[in-house]
N, C-alpha and C. Protein backbone atom coordinates (compact mmCIF):
# COMPACT_ATOMS: atom_id res chain seq x y z
N UNK A 1 75.16 116.64 63.11
CA UNK A 1 75.37 117.53 64.24
C UNK A 1 75.15 118.95 63.74
N UNK A 2 74.13 119.62 64.29
CA UNK A 2 73.88 120.98 63.84
C UNK A 2 74.43 122.01 64.82
N UNK A 3 74.39 123.25 64.40
CA UNK A 3 74.98 124.33 65.19
C UNK A 3 74.28 124.52 66.52
N UNK A 4 72.95 124.37 66.52
CA UNK A 4 72.20 124.54 67.77
C UNK A 4 72.65 123.54 68.83
N UNK A 5 72.81 122.30 68.44
CA UNK A 5 73.23 121.30 69.42
C UNK A 5 74.66 121.56 69.89
N UNK A 6 75.53 121.99 68.98
CA UNK A 6 76.90 122.34 69.38
C UNK A 6 76.92 123.49 70.38
N UNK A 7 76.07 124.49 70.13
CA UNK A 7 76.00 125.64 71.04
C UNK A 7 75.50 125.20 72.41
N UNK A 8 74.46 124.39 72.45
CA UNK A 8 73.93 123.94 73.74
C UNK A 8 74.93 123.08 74.49
N UNK A 9 75.61 122.19 73.78
CA UNK A 9 76.62 121.37 74.44
C UNK A 9 77.77 122.22 74.97
N UNK A 10 78.19 123.22 74.20
CA UNK A 10 79.28 124.09 74.67
C UNK A 10 78.83 124.93 75.85
N UNK A 11 77.58 125.34 75.87
CA UNK A 11 77.06 126.07 77.04
C UNK A 11 77.06 125.19 78.28
N UNK A 12 76.65 123.95 78.13
CA UNK A 12 76.66 123.03 79.26
C UNK A 12 78.07 122.82 79.80
N UNK A 13 79.02 122.60 78.90
CA UNK A 13 80.41 122.41 79.32
C UNK A 13 80.95 123.69 79.96
N UNK A 14 80.61 124.84 79.39
CA UNK A 14 81.05 126.12 79.96
C UNK A 14 80.49 126.38 81.34
N UNK A 15 79.22 126.08 81.54
CA UNK A 15 78.62 126.24 82.86
C UNK A 15 79.27 125.27 83.85
N UNK A 16 79.51 124.05 83.41
CA UNK A 16 80.19 123.09 84.26
C UNK A 16 81.59 123.55 84.65
N UNK A 17 82.32 124.14 83.70
CA UNK A 17 83.66 124.65 83.99
C UNK A 17 83.60 125.81 84.98
N UNK A 18 82.63 126.70 84.78
CA UNK A 18 82.50 127.83 85.70
C UNK A 18 82.16 127.35 87.11
N UNK A 19 81.24 126.40 87.21
CA UNK A 19 80.90 125.85 88.53
C UNK A 19 82.10 125.16 89.16
N UNK A 20 82.87 124.43 88.36
CA UNK A 20 84.04 123.74 88.87
C UNK A 20 85.06 124.73 89.44
N UNK A 21 85.22 125.86 88.78
CA UNK A 21 86.19 126.86 89.24
C UNK A 21 85.71 127.61 90.48
N UNK A 22 84.42 127.78 90.63
CA UNK A 22 83.87 128.58 91.73
C UNK A 22 83.70 127.77 93.01
N UNK A 23 83.35 126.49 92.89
CA UNK A 23 83.07 125.66 94.06
C UNK A 23 84.37 125.40 94.83
N UNK A 24 84.35 125.63 96.14
CA UNK A 24 85.57 125.37 96.93
C UNK A 24 85.83 123.87 97.08
N UNK A 25 87.09 123.53 97.30
CA UNK A 25 87.48 122.14 97.44
C UNK A 25 87.35 121.64 98.86
N UNK A 26 87.40 120.35 99.03
CA UNK A 26 87.42 119.70 100.34
C UNK A 26 88.31 118.48 100.22
N UNK A 27 88.78 117.96 101.33
CA UNK A 27 89.62 116.77 101.30
C UNK A 27 90.91 116.98 100.53
N UNK A 28 91.78 117.84 101.02
CA UNK A 28 93.05 118.16 100.37
C UNK A 28 92.88 118.84 99.01
N UNK A 29 91.90 119.72 98.91
CA UNK A 29 91.71 120.48 97.68
C UNK A 29 90.89 119.79 96.61
N UNK A 30 90.46 118.56 96.85
CA UNK A 30 89.64 117.85 95.87
C UNK A 30 88.25 118.49 95.86
N UNK A 31 87.61 118.48 94.70
CA UNK A 31 86.28 119.07 94.60
C UNK A 31 85.41 118.26 93.66
N UNK A 32 84.08 118.35 93.86
CA UNK A 32 83.18 117.64 92.96
C UNK A 32 83.29 118.23 91.55
N UNK A 33 83.17 117.39 90.56
CA UNK A 33 83.36 117.79 89.17
C UNK A 33 82.01 118.08 88.53
N UNK A 34 81.63 119.35 88.51
CA UNK A 34 80.34 119.71 87.93
C UNK A 34 80.36 119.63 86.40
N UNK A 35 81.54 119.59 85.82
CA UNK A 35 81.60 119.37 84.37
C UNK A 35 81.09 117.97 84.05
N UNK A 36 81.29 117.05 84.97
CA UNK A 36 80.78 115.69 84.81
C UNK A 36 79.25 115.70 84.79
N UNK A 37 78.66 116.45 85.70
CA UNK A 37 77.20 116.57 85.74
C UNK A 37 76.67 117.15 84.44
N UNK A 38 77.32 118.19 83.95
CA UNK A 38 76.88 118.81 82.70
C UNK A 38 77.10 117.88 81.50
N UNK A 39 78.16 117.08 81.56
CA UNK A 39 78.37 116.09 80.50
C UNK A 39 77.24 115.07 80.50
N UNK A 40 76.81 114.64 81.69
CA UNK A 40 75.69 113.71 81.77
C UNK A 40 74.42 114.33 81.20
N UNK A 41 74.16 115.58 81.51
CA UNK A 41 72.97 116.26 80.96
C UNK A 41 73.08 116.33 79.44
N UNK A 42 74.27 116.66 78.94
CA UNK A 42 74.48 116.69 77.49
C UNK A 42 74.22 115.35 76.83
N UNK A 43 74.66 114.28 77.47
CA UNK A 43 74.43 112.94 76.92
C UNK A 43 72.94 112.59 76.97
N UNK A 44 72.27 112.98 78.04
CA UNK A 44 70.82 112.72 78.12
C UNK A 44 70.06 113.50 77.04
N UNK A 45 70.52 114.69 76.72
CA UNK A 45 69.86 115.50 75.70
C UNK A 45 70.22 115.06 74.28
N UNK A 46 71.46 114.67 74.07
CA UNK A 46 71.96 114.32 72.75
C UNK A 46 72.61 112.93 72.76
N UNK A 47 71.81 111.87 72.85
CA UNK A 47 72.39 110.52 72.94
C UNK A 47 72.81 109.95 71.58
N UNK A 48 73.86 110.54 71.04
CA UNK A 48 74.46 110.05 69.79
C UNK A 48 75.95 109.91 70.03
N UNK A 49 76.56 108.92 69.41
CA UNK A 49 77.97 108.64 69.65
C UNK A 49 78.86 109.83 69.32
N UNK A 50 78.57 110.55 68.23
CA UNK A 50 79.41 111.70 67.86
C UNK A 50 79.31 112.81 68.90
N UNK A 51 78.11 113.02 69.44
CA UNK A 51 77.93 114.03 70.49
C UNK A 51 78.64 113.61 71.77
N UNK A 52 78.53 112.34 72.11
CA UNK A 52 79.17 111.82 73.32
C UNK A 52 80.68 111.95 73.21
N UNK A 53 81.23 111.64 72.05
CA UNK A 53 82.67 111.78 71.83
C UNK A 53 83.11 113.22 72.05
N UNK A 54 82.39 114.15 71.45
CA UNK A 54 82.73 115.56 71.59
C UNK A 54 82.62 116.03 73.04
N UNK A 55 81.55 115.65 73.72
CA UNK A 55 81.39 116.01 75.13
C UNK A 55 82.49 115.40 75.99
N UNK A 56 82.84 114.15 75.73
CA UNK A 56 83.86 113.46 76.53
C UNK A 56 85.22 114.12 76.37
N UNK A 57 85.59 114.44 75.15
CA UNK A 57 86.91 115.03 74.90
C UNK A 57 86.99 116.43 75.50
N UNK A 58 86.00 117.27 75.25
CA UNK A 58 86.07 118.64 75.77
C UNK A 58 85.99 118.67 77.30
N UNK A 59 85.13 117.86 77.86
CA UNK A 59 85.01 117.82 79.31
C UNK A 59 86.29 117.26 79.94
N UNK A 60 86.84 116.23 79.35
CA UNK A 60 88.07 115.64 79.87
C UNK A 60 89.25 116.59 79.82
N UNK A 61 89.40 117.28 78.70
CA UNK A 61 90.52 118.22 78.56
C UNK A 61 90.36 119.39 79.53
N UNK A 62 89.17 119.97 79.60
CA UNK A 62 88.97 121.10 80.52
C UNK A 62 89.12 120.66 81.98
N UNK A 63 88.58 119.50 82.33
CA UNK A 63 88.76 118.99 83.69
C UNK A 63 90.23 118.78 84.01
N UNK A 64 90.94 118.25 83.04
CA UNK A 64 92.37 118.03 83.24
C UNK A 64 93.14 119.32 83.41
N UNK A 65 92.78 120.33 82.64
CA UNK A 65 93.47 121.62 82.75
C UNK A 65 93.21 122.30 84.09
N UNK A 66 92.01 122.13 84.62
CA UNK A 66 91.64 122.78 85.88
C UNK A 66 91.90 121.91 87.11
N UNK A 67 92.38 120.72 86.91
CA UNK A 67 92.53 119.77 88.01
C UNK A 67 93.54 120.25 89.05
N UNK A 68 93.18 120.07 90.31
CA UNK A 68 94.10 120.38 91.41
C UNK A 68 94.81 119.11 91.90
N UNK A 69 94.47 117.97 91.32
CA UNK A 69 95.07 116.69 91.69
C UNK A 69 96.45 116.59 91.04
N UNK A 70 97.45 116.06 91.74
CA UNK A 70 98.78 115.92 91.14
C UNK A 70 98.74 115.03 89.89
N UNK A 71 99.28 115.54 88.80
CA UNK A 71 99.29 114.82 87.51
C UNK A 71 97.89 114.41 87.09
N UNK A 72 96.92 115.34 87.26
CA UNK A 72 95.52 115.01 87.03
C UNK A 72 95.03 115.12 85.61
N UNK A 73 95.86 115.57 84.67
CA UNK A 73 95.37 115.76 83.30
C UNK A 73 95.00 114.44 82.63
N UNK A 74 95.94 113.51 82.58
CA UNK A 74 95.69 112.24 81.88
C UNK A 74 94.57 111.43 82.56
N UNK A 75 94.56 111.31 83.89
CA UNK A 75 93.44 110.59 84.50
C UNK A 75 92.08 111.22 84.20
N UNK A 76 92.01 112.56 84.13
CA UNK A 76 90.75 113.22 83.79
C UNK A 76 90.30 112.89 82.39
N UNK A 77 91.19 112.94 81.43
CA UNK A 77 90.82 112.66 80.04
C UNK A 77 90.37 111.21 79.90
N UNK A 78 91.12 110.30 80.49
CA UNK A 78 90.77 108.87 80.39
C UNK A 78 89.43 108.60 81.09
N UNK A 79 89.26 109.15 82.29
CA UNK A 79 88.04 108.85 83.04
C UNK A 79 86.80 109.45 82.38
N UNK A 80 86.90 110.65 81.83
CA UNK A 80 85.73 111.25 81.18
C UNK A 80 85.35 110.47 79.93
N UNK A 81 86.35 110.02 79.19
CA UNK A 81 86.08 109.28 77.96
C UNK A 81 85.38 107.96 78.25
N UNK A 82 85.91 107.20 79.19
CA UNK A 82 85.32 105.91 79.53
C UNK A 82 83.94 106.11 80.16
N UNK A 83 83.85 107.04 81.11
CA UNK A 83 82.58 107.30 81.79
C UNK A 83 81.50 107.75 80.82
N UNK A 84 81.87 108.62 79.89
CA UNK A 84 80.88 109.13 78.92
C UNK A 84 80.28 108.00 78.10
N UNK A 85 81.12 107.09 77.62
CA UNK A 85 80.59 106.03 76.77
C UNK A 85 79.87 104.94 77.55
N UNK A 86 80.26 104.70 78.79
CA UNK A 86 79.50 103.76 79.63
C UNK A 86 78.14 104.37 79.95
N UNK A 87 78.13 105.67 80.32
CA UNK A 87 76.87 106.37 80.60
C UNK A 87 75.98 106.37 79.35
N UNK A 88 76.57 106.61 78.20
CA UNK A 88 75.83 106.60 76.94
C UNK A 88 75.22 105.22 76.67
N UNK A 89 75.98 104.17 76.91
CA UNK A 89 75.46 102.82 76.69
C UNK A 89 74.27 102.54 77.60
N UNK A 90 74.35 102.99 78.84
CA UNK A 90 73.24 102.78 79.77
C UNK A 90 72.02 103.60 79.34
N UNK A 91 72.26 104.83 78.88
CA UNK A 91 71.15 105.67 78.40
C UNK A 91 70.47 105.03 77.19
N UNK A 92 71.25 104.44 76.31
CA UNK A 92 70.68 103.78 75.13
C UNK A 92 69.87 102.56 75.55
N UNK A 93 70.38 101.79 76.52
CA UNK A 93 69.65 100.61 76.99
C UNK A 93 68.35 101.02 77.69
N UNK A 94 68.40 102.08 78.47
CA UNK A 94 67.22 102.56 79.20
C UNK A 94 66.53 103.70 78.44
N UNK A 95 66.47 103.57 77.15
CA UNK A 95 66.02 104.64 76.25
C UNK A 95 64.77 105.38 76.73
N UNK A 96 63.74 104.67 77.13
CA UNK A 96 62.47 105.30 77.48
C UNK A 96 62.42 105.79 78.92
N UNK A 97 63.36 105.38 79.73
CA UNK A 97 63.34 105.74 81.15
C UNK A 97 64.40 106.76 81.55
N UNK A 98 65.48 106.84 80.78
CA UNK A 98 66.63 107.66 81.20
C UNK A 98 66.33 109.14 81.27
N UNK A 99 65.32 109.62 80.56
CA UNK A 99 65.00 111.05 80.62
C UNK A 99 64.13 111.41 81.82
N UNK A 100 63.66 110.42 82.55
CA UNK A 100 62.87 110.67 83.76
C UNK A 100 63.83 111.09 84.88
N UNK A 101 63.43 112.09 85.65
CA UNK A 101 64.31 112.70 86.65
C UNK A 101 64.87 111.71 87.68
N UNK A 102 64.07 110.83 88.28
CA UNK A 102 64.65 109.90 89.26
C UNK A 102 65.71 108.97 88.64
N UNK A 103 65.44 108.48 87.44
CA UNK A 103 66.38 107.58 86.77
C UNK A 103 67.64 108.35 86.39
N UNK A 104 67.48 109.55 85.86
CA UNK A 104 68.64 110.38 85.48
C UNK A 104 69.49 110.72 86.70
N UNK A 105 68.85 110.94 87.83
CA UNK A 105 69.58 111.25 89.06
C UNK A 105 70.41 110.05 89.53
N UNK A 106 69.81 108.88 89.51
CA UNK A 106 70.54 107.66 89.90
C UNK A 106 71.67 107.39 88.91
N UNK A 107 71.41 107.59 87.63
CA UNK A 107 72.46 107.40 86.63
C UNK A 107 73.62 108.37 86.84
N UNK A 108 73.31 109.61 87.20
CA UNK A 108 74.37 110.60 87.45
C UNK A 108 75.20 110.19 88.67
N UNK A 109 74.55 109.70 89.71
CA UNK A 109 75.28 109.23 90.88
C UNK A 109 76.18 108.05 90.54
N UNK A 110 75.63 107.09 89.80
CA UNK A 110 76.43 105.92 89.41
C UNK A 110 77.56 106.32 88.47
N UNK A 111 77.28 107.24 87.56
CA UNK A 111 78.32 107.71 86.65
C UNK A 111 79.43 108.45 87.38
N UNK A 112 79.07 109.22 88.38
CA UNK A 112 80.08 109.92 89.18
C UNK A 112 80.94 108.93 89.96
N UNK A 113 80.32 107.90 90.51
CA UNK A 113 81.08 106.86 91.21
C UNK A 113 82.05 106.17 90.25
N UNK A 114 81.56 105.81 89.08
CA UNK A 114 82.41 105.18 88.07
C UNK A 114 83.55 106.11 87.68
N UNK A 115 83.24 107.37 87.47
CA UNK A 115 84.25 108.36 87.08
C UNK A 115 85.33 108.49 88.16
N UNK A 116 84.92 108.59 89.40
CA UNK A 116 85.87 108.73 90.49
C UNK A 116 86.78 107.53 90.64
N UNK A 117 86.21 106.34 90.51
CA UNK A 117 87.00 105.11 90.63
C UNK A 117 87.98 105.00 89.46
N UNK A 118 87.53 105.32 88.25
CA UNK A 118 88.42 105.27 87.09
C UNK A 118 89.54 106.31 87.24
N UNK A 119 89.17 107.52 87.66
CA UNK A 119 90.16 108.59 87.83
C UNK A 119 91.25 108.16 88.81
N UNK A 120 90.84 107.70 89.98
CA UNK A 120 91.83 107.30 90.99
C UNK A 120 92.64 106.08 90.53
N UNK A 121 92.00 105.15 89.86
CA UNK A 121 92.72 103.97 89.37
C UNK A 121 93.79 104.35 88.35
N UNK A 122 93.44 105.22 87.42
CA UNK A 122 94.42 105.67 86.42
C UNK A 122 95.53 106.45 87.10
N UNK A 123 95.17 107.32 88.04
CA UNK A 123 96.19 108.13 88.72
C UNK A 123 97.15 107.25 89.51
N UNK A 124 96.63 106.23 90.16
CA UNK A 124 97.48 105.39 91.01
C UNK A 124 98.24 104.35 90.20
N UNK A 125 97.54 103.61 89.35
CA UNK A 125 98.15 102.46 88.71
C UNK A 125 98.86 102.78 87.40
N UNK A 126 98.45 103.82 86.69
CA UNK A 126 99.08 104.16 85.43
C UNK A 126 100.10 105.28 85.62
N UNK A 127 99.68 106.37 86.26
CA UNK A 127 100.58 107.51 86.45
C UNK A 127 101.54 107.25 87.60
N UNK A 128 101.12 106.51 88.61
CA UNK A 128 101.98 106.19 89.74
C UNK A 128 101.94 107.20 90.86
N UNK A 129 100.84 107.94 90.96
CA UNK A 129 100.69 108.90 92.04
C UNK A 129 100.51 108.14 93.35
N UNK A 130 101.22 108.54 94.37
CA UNK A 130 101.17 107.88 95.68
C UNK A 130 100.05 108.47 96.53
N UNK A 131 98.84 107.96 96.37
CA UNK A 131 97.70 108.39 97.19
C UNK A 131 96.93 107.16 97.63
N UNK A 132 96.31 107.22 98.80
CA UNK A 132 95.54 106.07 99.28
C UNK A 132 94.19 105.98 98.56
N UNK A 133 93.90 104.84 97.95
CA UNK A 133 92.70 104.68 97.13
C UNK A 133 91.42 104.73 97.96
N UNK A 134 91.26 103.82 98.91
CA UNK A 134 90.02 103.70 99.66
C UNK A 134 89.67 104.97 100.45
N UNK A 135 90.62 105.58 101.17
CA UNK A 135 90.26 106.82 101.86
C UNK A 135 89.79 107.93 100.91
N UNK A 136 90.39 108.02 99.73
CA UNK A 136 89.94 109.03 98.77
C UNK A 136 88.56 108.71 98.21
N UNK A 137 88.27 107.44 98.01
CA UNK A 137 86.93 107.06 97.55
C UNK A 137 85.90 107.45 98.61
N UNK A 138 86.22 107.17 99.87
CA UNK A 138 85.27 107.45 100.95
C UNK A 138 85.12 108.94 101.24
N UNK A 139 86.21 109.69 101.17
CA UNK A 139 86.15 111.10 101.58
C UNK A 139 85.92 112.08 100.44
N UNK A 140 86.20 111.66 99.21
CA UNK A 140 86.03 112.58 98.08
C UNK A 140 85.01 112.07 97.07
N UNK A 141 85.14 110.83 96.64
CA UNK A 141 84.27 110.32 95.58
C UNK A 141 82.83 110.18 96.06
N UNK A 142 82.62 109.57 97.22
CA UNK A 142 81.23 109.38 97.69
C UNK A 142 80.52 110.71 97.96
N UNK A 143 81.16 111.70 98.60
CA UNK A 143 80.49 113.00 98.70
C UNK A 143 80.22 113.63 97.32
N UNK A 144 81.14 113.44 96.38
CA UNK A 144 80.93 113.97 95.03
C UNK A 144 79.75 113.29 94.35
N UNK A 145 79.54 111.99 94.62
CA UNK A 145 78.39 111.27 94.08
C UNK A 145 77.10 111.93 94.55
N UNK A 146 77.03 112.20 95.84
CA UNK A 146 75.82 112.82 96.41
C UNK A 146 75.64 114.23 95.85
N UNK A 147 76.71 115.01 95.81
CA UNK A 147 76.61 116.39 95.34
C UNK A 147 76.22 116.44 93.86
N UNK A 148 76.84 115.60 93.03
CA UNK A 148 76.51 115.59 91.60
C UNK A 148 75.09 115.09 91.34
N UNK A 149 74.63 114.12 92.13
CA UNK A 149 73.25 113.65 91.97
C UNK A 149 72.26 114.76 92.33
N UNK A 150 72.54 115.46 93.41
CA UNK A 150 71.67 116.58 93.80
C UNK A 150 71.72 117.68 92.75
N UNK A 151 72.91 117.97 92.23
CA UNK A 151 73.05 119.00 91.20
C UNK A 151 72.25 118.63 89.95
N UNK A 152 72.34 117.37 89.53
CA UNK A 152 71.56 116.96 88.36
C UNK A 152 70.07 117.03 88.66
N UNK A 153 69.68 116.65 89.86
CA UNK A 153 68.28 116.70 90.25
C UNK A 153 67.73 118.13 90.17
N UNK A 154 68.56 119.11 90.48
CA UNK A 154 68.13 120.51 90.45
C UNK A 154 68.25 121.10 89.04
N UNK A 155 69.35 120.82 88.36
CA UNK A 155 69.65 121.48 87.08
C UNK A 155 68.90 120.85 85.90
N UNK A 156 68.74 119.53 85.89
CA UNK A 156 68.14 118.85 84.74
C UNK A 156 66.73 119.34 84.41
N UNK A 157 65.83 119.51 85.39
CA UNK A 157 64.50 120.03 85.05
C UNK A 157 64.55 121.45 84.47
N UNK A 158 65.48 122.26 84.95
CA UNK A 158 65.62 123.62 84.43
C UNK A 158 66.06 123.58 82.97
N UNK A 159 67.05 122.75 82.69
CA UNK A 159 67.55 122.64 81.32
C UNK A 159 66.48 122.07 80.40
N UNK A 160 65.75 121.06 80.86
CA UNK A 160 64.71 120.48 80.00
C UNK A 160 63.61 121.48 79.69
N UNK A 161 63.24 122.31 80.66
CA UNK A 161 62.22 123.34 80.40
C UNK A 161 62.74 124.37 79.40
N UNK A 162 63.99 124.78 79.55
CA UNK A 162 64.57 125.73 78.61
C UNK A 162 64.67 125.15 77.21
N UNK A 163 65.03 123.88 77.12
CA UNK A 163 65.14 123.22 75.82
C UNK A 163 63.77 123.11 75.16
N UNK A 164 62.76 122.78 75.93
CA UNK A 164 61.41 122.67 75.37
C UNK A 164 60.90 124.02 74.88
N UNK A 165 61.15 125.07 75.65
CA UNK A 165 60.70 126.41 75.26
C UNK A 165 61.43 126.94 74.04
N UNK A 166 62.68 126.59 73.90
CA UNK A 166 63.47 127.11 72.78
C UNK A 166 63.37 126.23 71.54
N UNK A 167 62.65 125.14 71.63
CA UNK A 167 62.39 124.23 70.52
C UNK A 167 63.67 123.63 69.93
N UNK A 168 64.60 123.25 70.83
CA UNK A 168 65.79 122.53 70.40
C UNK A 168 65.41 121.13 70.02
N UNK A 169 66.12 120.55 69.07
CA UNK A 169 65.94 119.15 68.69
C UNK A 169 66.82 118.29 69.60
N UNK A 170 66.22 117.69 70.62
CA UNK A 170 66.95 116.84 71.55
C UNK A 170 66.23 115.51 71.70
N UNK A 171 66.80 114.64 72.50
CA UNK A 171 66.15 113.36 72.77
C UNK A 171 64.84 113.56 73.54
N UNK A 172 64.74 114.66 74.27
CA UNK A 172 63.53 114.93 75.04
C UNK A 172 62.38 115.41 74.18
N UNK A 173 62.69 116.00 73.02
CA UNK A 173 61.64 116.52 72.17
C UNK A 173 61.08 115.48 71.21
N UNK A 174 61.72 114.31 71.15
CA UNK A 174 61.25 113.25 70.25
C UNK A 174 60.29 112.33 70.95
């Protein structure tokens, strides 16, 4: 893990945190998690277990700190960790296709759905928060899936062009 990759990953997480703080909430203050989108971009750029671990922990902790959900810290950390490694496994399996924009967009949507379901499951069944599961999936998670997929569709080509111009060593440059 070199300094350049650490800087780029921290920039992605920082941009995701800034977007998370700026975007207004909907559905009782819930909001789409743009740190999740940036984590997916980081995993697509740096598909190594050590990088995924670092992205998962930092994204989970920051999401948990900024969460407006009751007792949202632990569910955020757990969901980001599991989602990051499932997303990483899929990226490794689809090695030659995952960097293509349509595939990356679908993966981001599926990853967001997985993240939302894990988050709500941990919040309800482990922490014991009294919230209705299905209505929250329909009113918060599914719109977040669409928003995060659109965000990745817009942001990923910009990031890939910047990475190519700056000659970063990423999965896209190999």
